[in-house]
Amino acid sequence: MTVVDFHLVSSLSPAGVLEVLTDFSPARTQAWPSIDTEHFEVHGRGENWAEVTEGTSAAWERARYDWEPEGNEVVITTLESKLFGPGGGWVFRMTPQADGTRVDVRLTRTPSSLKGKLLASLLPVVGPSSLRKSFAGPLQAR
């Protein structure tokens, strides 16, 4: 199992960050460059959960999102993935700051293939900076 921790600071409020993370409308593929329309499907959705497939042909995953509407955490559990096994996923924790929100992110990956194991071994080295950049736009981070 590989674990990567990093943080970023968003100009959005914690509620704004939560809204971006849990917006599963068709606009999601516009906001997140790592999601294309061919690999985005909402399988089910409730007040504080969603099950979606998202990503690209190179790397997609089906995951369950869980959050509290007034909460400060979004937990994403990987159900199926092209590169990694089930389990693992993402945890986003939002902490208000005077100038926005600190977003602490934890990524956990359980490789299920040789390619997945190779990618997982690289995540601690290249993951934090590349992931921070990929979240910067949608979360309005600096």
Protein backbone atom coordinates (compact mmCIF):
# COMPACT_ATOMS: atom_id res chain seq x y z
CA MET A 1 0.00 0.00 0.00
CA THR A 2 1.27 3.46 -0.92
CA VAL A 3 0.27 6.61 1.00
CA VAL A 4 0.89 10.17 -0.21
CA ASP A 5 0.08 13.23 1.92
CA PHE A 6 0.11 16.83 0.72
CA HIS A 7 -1.82 20.04 1.22
CA LEU A 8 -2.79 23.14 -0.69
CA VAL A 9 -4.45 26.44 0.16
CA SER A 10 -7.65 27.32 -1.68
CA SER A 11 -9.15 30.79 -1.96
CA LEU A 12 -12.56 29.11 -1.57
CA SER A 13 -14.36 28.67 1.74
CA PRO A 14 -14.56 25.13 3.17
CA ALA A 15 -18.16 24.97 1.85
CA GLY A 16 -16.89 26.07 -1.58
CA VAL A 17 -14.23 23.35 -1.61
CA LEU A 18 -16.85 20.79 -0.58
CA GLU A 19 -19.11 21.99 -3.40
CA VAL A 20 -16.37 21.59 -6.02
CA LEU A 21 -15.39 18.13 -4.75
CA THR A 22 -19.00 16.90 -4.72
CA ASP A 23 -20.37 18.50 -7.90
CA PHE A 24 -21.26 15.53 -10.10
CA SER A 25 -23.08 17.53 -12.76
CA PRO A 26 -21.93 17.36 -16.40
CA ALA A 27 -19.81 20.47 -15.64
CA ARG A 28 -17.43 18.21 -13.67
CA THR A 29 -15.57 17.26 -16.85
CA GLN A 30 -15.02 20.96 -17.59
CA ALA A 31 -13.73 21.75 -14.10
CA TRP A 32 -11.42 18.75 -13.73
CA PRO A 33 -8.92 18.28 -16.58
CA SER A 34 -8.24 14.70 -15.41
CA ILE A 35 -11.83 13.64 -16.19
CA ASP A 36 -13.10 13.21 -19.72
CA THR A 37 -16.74 12.83 -20.72
CA GLU A 38 -16.22 9.27 -22.03
CA HIS A 39 -15.02 8.15 -18.59
CA PHE A 40 -17.51 9.97 -16.38
CA GLU A 41 -20.65 8.25 -15.15
CA VAL A 42 -22.72 8.79 -12.02
CA HIS A 43 -24.01 5.39 -10.90
CA GLY A 44 -25.95 6.62 -7.87
CA ARG A 45 -26.25 9.67 -5.66
CA GLY A 46 -27.73 10.64 -2.31
CA GLU A 47 -27.61 13.67 -0.01
CA ASN A 48 -24.16 12.81 1.34
CA TRP A 49 -22.78 10.17 -1.04
CA ALA A 50 -22.19 9.42 -4.71
CA GLU A 51 -20.83 6.47 -6.65
CA VAL A 52 -19.10 7.51 -9.85
CA THR A 53 -16.68 6.33 -12.50
CA GLU A 54 -14.29 9.06 -13.60
CA GLY A 55 -10.91 9.56 -15.20
CA THR A 56 -9.47 8.99 -18.67
CA SER A 57 -8.74 5.99 -20.85
CA ALA A 58 -5.25 5.87 -19.31
CA ALA A 59 -6.41 5.98 -15.68
CA TRP A 60 -10.01 5.69 -14.49
CA GLU A 61 -11.63 4.52 -11.29
CA ARG A 62 -15.05 3.77 -9.90
CA ALA A 63 -15.33 5.21 -6.42
CA ARG A 64 -17.75 6.00 -3.64
CA TYR A 65 -17.70 9.54 -2.26
CA ASP A 66 -18.97 10.14 1.29
CA TRP A 67 -19.33 13.51 3.06
CA GLU A 68 -21.48 15.41 5.51
CA PRO A 69 -23.30 18.40 3.96
CA GLU A 70 -21.97 20.74 6.66
CA GLY A 71 -18.77 18.76 7.20
CA ASN A 72 -15.10 19.37 6.57
CA GLU A 73 -14.13 16.02 5.06
CA VAL A 74 -14.73 14.08 1.85
CA VAL A 75 -13.75 10.40 1.80
CA ILE A 76 -13.42 8.68 -1.57
CA THR A 77 -13.10 4.90 -1.55
CA THR A 78 -11.83 3.14 -4.67
CA LEU A 79 -14.18 0.33 -5.73
CA GLU A 80 -12.53 -0.54 -9.05
CA SER A 81 -9.64 0.98 -11.00
CA LYS A 82 -7.74 0.46 -14.22
CA LEU A 83 -4.41 0.74 -12.40
CA PHE A 84 -5.04 -0.03 -8.73
CA GLY A 85 -7.03 -2.51 -6.70
CA PRO A 86 -10.12 -1.84 -4.62
CA GLY A 87 -9.73 -0.12 -1.28
CA GLY A 88 -7.59 2.89 -0.77
CA GLY A 89 -8.71 6.18 -2.24
CA TRP A 90 -8.64 9.81 -1.16
CA VAL A 91 -9.39 11.82 1.97
CA PHE A 92 -9.82 15.60 1.71
CA ARG A 93 -9.92 17.58 4.98
CA MET A 94 -10.79 21.27 4.89
CA THR A 95 -9.67 23.73 7.56
CA PRO A 96 -10.80 27.36 7.37
CA GLN A 97 -8.08 30.00 7.25
CA ALA A 98 -8.29 33.78 7.14
CA ASP A 99 -7.61 33.82 3.40
CA GLY A 100 -9.51 30.66 2.36
CA THR A 101 -9.16 26.99 3.20
CA ARG A 102 -6.27 24.66 3.86
CA VAL A 103 -7.01 21.35 2.13
CA ASP A 104 -5.08 18.36 3.46
CA VAL A 105 -5.14 15.44 1.06
CA ARG A 106 -4.23 11.81 1.67
CA LEU A 107 -4.04 9.41 -1.26
CA THR A 108 -3.84 5.68 -0.56
CA ARG A 109 -3.25 3.20 -3.37
CA THR A 110 -3.32 -0.59 -3.35
CA PRO A 111 -1.66 -1.83 -6.54
CA SER A 112 -3.18 -4.89 -8.20
CA SER A 113 -0.92 -5.25 -11.24
CA LEU A 114 2.74 -4.91 -12.12
CA LYS A 115 2.05 -1.55 -13.79
CA GLY A 116 0.11 -0.42 -10.72
CA LYS A 117 2.96 -1.44 -8.44
CA LEU A 118 5.43 0.53 -10.54
CA LEU A 119 3.21 3.63 -10.53
CA ALA A 120 2.54 3.29 -6.81
CA SER A 121 6.29 3.19 -6.13
CA LEU A 122 6.68 6.53 -7.95
CA LEU A 123 3.76 8.28 -6.23
CA PRO A 124 5.65 9.37 -3.07
CA VAL A 125 8.29 11.03 -5.25
CA VAL A 126 6.27 12.71 -8.01
CA GLY A 127 2.77 12.60 -6.53
CA PRO A 128 2.64 15.56 -4.18
CA SER A 129 3.73 18.23 -6.69
CA SER A 130 1.84 16.84 -9.69
CA LEU A 131 -1.34 16.20 -7.70
CA ARG A 132 -1.17 19.64 -6.09
CA LYS A 133 -1.00 21.15 -9.61
CA SER A 134 -3.92 19.06 -10.86
CA PHE A 135 -6.13 20.22 -7.97
CA ALA A 136 -5.01 23.88 -8.10
CA GLY A 137 -7.39 24.93 -10.89
CA PRO A 138 -10.63 23.30 -9.73
CA LEU A 139 -10.02 24.22 -6.06
CA GLN A 140 -8.74 27.72 -6.88
CA ALA A 141 -5.53 27.07 -5.00
CA ARG A 142 -2.32 29.02 -4.98
